[in-house]
Amino acid sequence: MAQIDLVTGGAGFIGSNLVHRLVQEGRSVRVLDNFSTGRRENLNPILSDIELIEGDIRDPAALEIAESRRCCHIGAGQEQRHYSLYFQEDVL
């Protein structure tokens, strides 16, 4: 069974470019994104080549579904005034 690369925030600008690159390299890619800032259109050219899960990284059920041994954590909020919220997303 092929190893799957999980990219959180894979529909955002940076995440989607990473996803495109991984697909070009022939890797199996799973994307977890809640589309709060990312765009589905960023992934349209490769939707048939990836597994896309719409969910939030703070949701344990979504994380369980998206589980992978290798993760590129790109998903994070952009609003800088809510540091405690982003600490929960990125650290906890």
Protein backbone atom coordinates (compact mmCIF):
# COMPACT_ATOMS: atom_id res chain seq x y z
CA MET A 1 0.00 0.00 0.00
CA ALA A 2 1.36 3.41 -0.98
CA GLN A 3 2.24 5.86 1.73
CA ILE A 4 -0.13 8.82 1.79
CA ASP A 5 1.04 12.39 2.30
CA LEU A 6 -1.47 14.49 4.25
CA VAL A 7 -1.50 18.23 3.57
CA THR A 8 -3.57 20.30 5.98
CA GLY A 9 -4.64 23.58 4.43
CA GLY A 10 -4.03 22.07 1.02
CA ALA A 11 -6.52 24.35 -0.74
CA GLY A 12 -4.73 27.55 0.21
CA PHE A 13 -2.09 29.24 -1.93
CA ILE A 14 0.96 27.59 -0.40
CA GLY A 15 -0.75 24.29 0.40
CA SER A 16 -2.20 23.85 -3.09
CA ASN A 17 1.18 24.48 -4.69
CA LEU A 18 2.67 21.82 -2.44
CA VAL A 19 -0.16 19.42 -3.33
CA HIS A 20 0.39 20.02 -7.06
CA ARG A 21 4.11 19.30 -6.64
CA LEU A 22 3.51 16.10 -4.68
CA VAL A 23 1.07 14.86 -7.33
CA GLN A 24 3.61 15.69 -10.07
CA GLU A 25 6.10 13.52 -8.18
CA GLY A 26 3.63 10.63 -8.27
CA ARG A 27 2.79 10.66 -4.58
CA SER A 28 -0.55 9.72 -3.02
CA VAL A 29 -1.96 12.89 -1.48
CA ARG A 30 -4.76 13.49 1.00
CA VAL A 31 -5.88 17.09 1.63
CA LEU A 32 -7.69 18.28 4.75
CA ASP A 33 -9.09 21.80 4.46
CA ASN A 34 -12.11 23.64 5.85
CA PHE A 35 -12.06 26.20 3.00
CA SER A 36 -12.18 29.14 5.40
CA THR A 37 -9.40 30.79 3.41
CA GLY A 38 -8.46 28.15 0.84
CA ARG A 39 -10.20 27.70 -2.48
CA ARG A 40 -11.43 24.50 -4.07
CA GLU A 41 -10.52 26.01 -7.47
CA ASN A 42 -6.84 25.77 -6.48
CA LEU A 43 -7.22 21.98 -6.57
CA ASN A 44 -9.58 21.61 -9.54
CA PRO A 45 -6.87 20.53 -12.03
CA ILE A 46 -5.85 17.61 -9.79
CA LEU A 47 -9.08 16.69 -7.97
CA SER A 48 -9.13 13.28 -9.61
CA ASP A 49 -5.57 12.63 -8.37
CA ILE A 50 -6.07 13.43 -4.67
CA GLU A 51 -8.30 12.52 -1.76
CA LEU A 52 -10.02 15.69 -0.53
CA ILE A 53 -11.54 15.86 2.94
CA GLU A 54 -13.49 18.97 3.90
CA GLY A 55 -12.96 19.40 7.61
CA ASP A 56 -11.30 21.41 10.34
CA ILE A 57 -7.96 20.51 11.90
CA ARG A 58 -9.49 21.21 15.33
CA ASP A 59 -12.10 18.46 14.80
CA PRO A 60 -10.89 15.10 16.16
CA ALA A 61 -13.25 13.20 13.83
CA ALA A 62 -11.82 14.95 10.77
CA LEU A 63 -8.28 14.23 11.95
CA GLU A 64 -9.12 10.58 12.46
CA ILE A 65 -10.47 10.32 8.90
CA ALA A 66 -7.47 12.19 7.50
CA GLU A 67 -4.89 10.18 9.45
CA SER A 68 -1.56 9.68 7.75
CA ARG A 69 1.94 8.77 8.84
CA ARG A 70 3.34 11.81 7.05
CA CYS A 71 1.81 15.29 7.36
CA CYS A 72 2.68 18.71 5.98
CA HIS A 73 0.81 21.09 8.27
CA ILE A 74 0.07 24.21 6.24
CA GLY A 75 -3.44 24.83 7.64
CA ALA A 76 -3.73 27.83 9.92
CA GLY A 77 -5.89 30.89 10.40
CA GLN A 78 -4.97 34.31 9.10
CA GLU A 79 -6.55 36.59 11.71
CA GLN A 80 -3.64 37.66 13.90
CA ARG A 81 -5.78 39.07 16.73
CA HIS A 82 -6.84 35.61 17.93
CA TYR A 83 -3.51 34.12 18.98
CA SER A 84 -5.04 31.61 21.40
CA LEU A 85 -7.21 30.15 18.65
CA TYR A 86 -4.22 29.65 16.35
CA PHE A 87 -2.20 28.19 19.17
CA GLN A 88 -4.93 25.55 19.45
CA GLU A 89 -4.86 24.91 15.69
CA ASP A 90 -1.12 24.82 15.22
CA VAL A 91 0.26 23.47 18.48
CA LEU A 92 -2.36 21.48 20.33
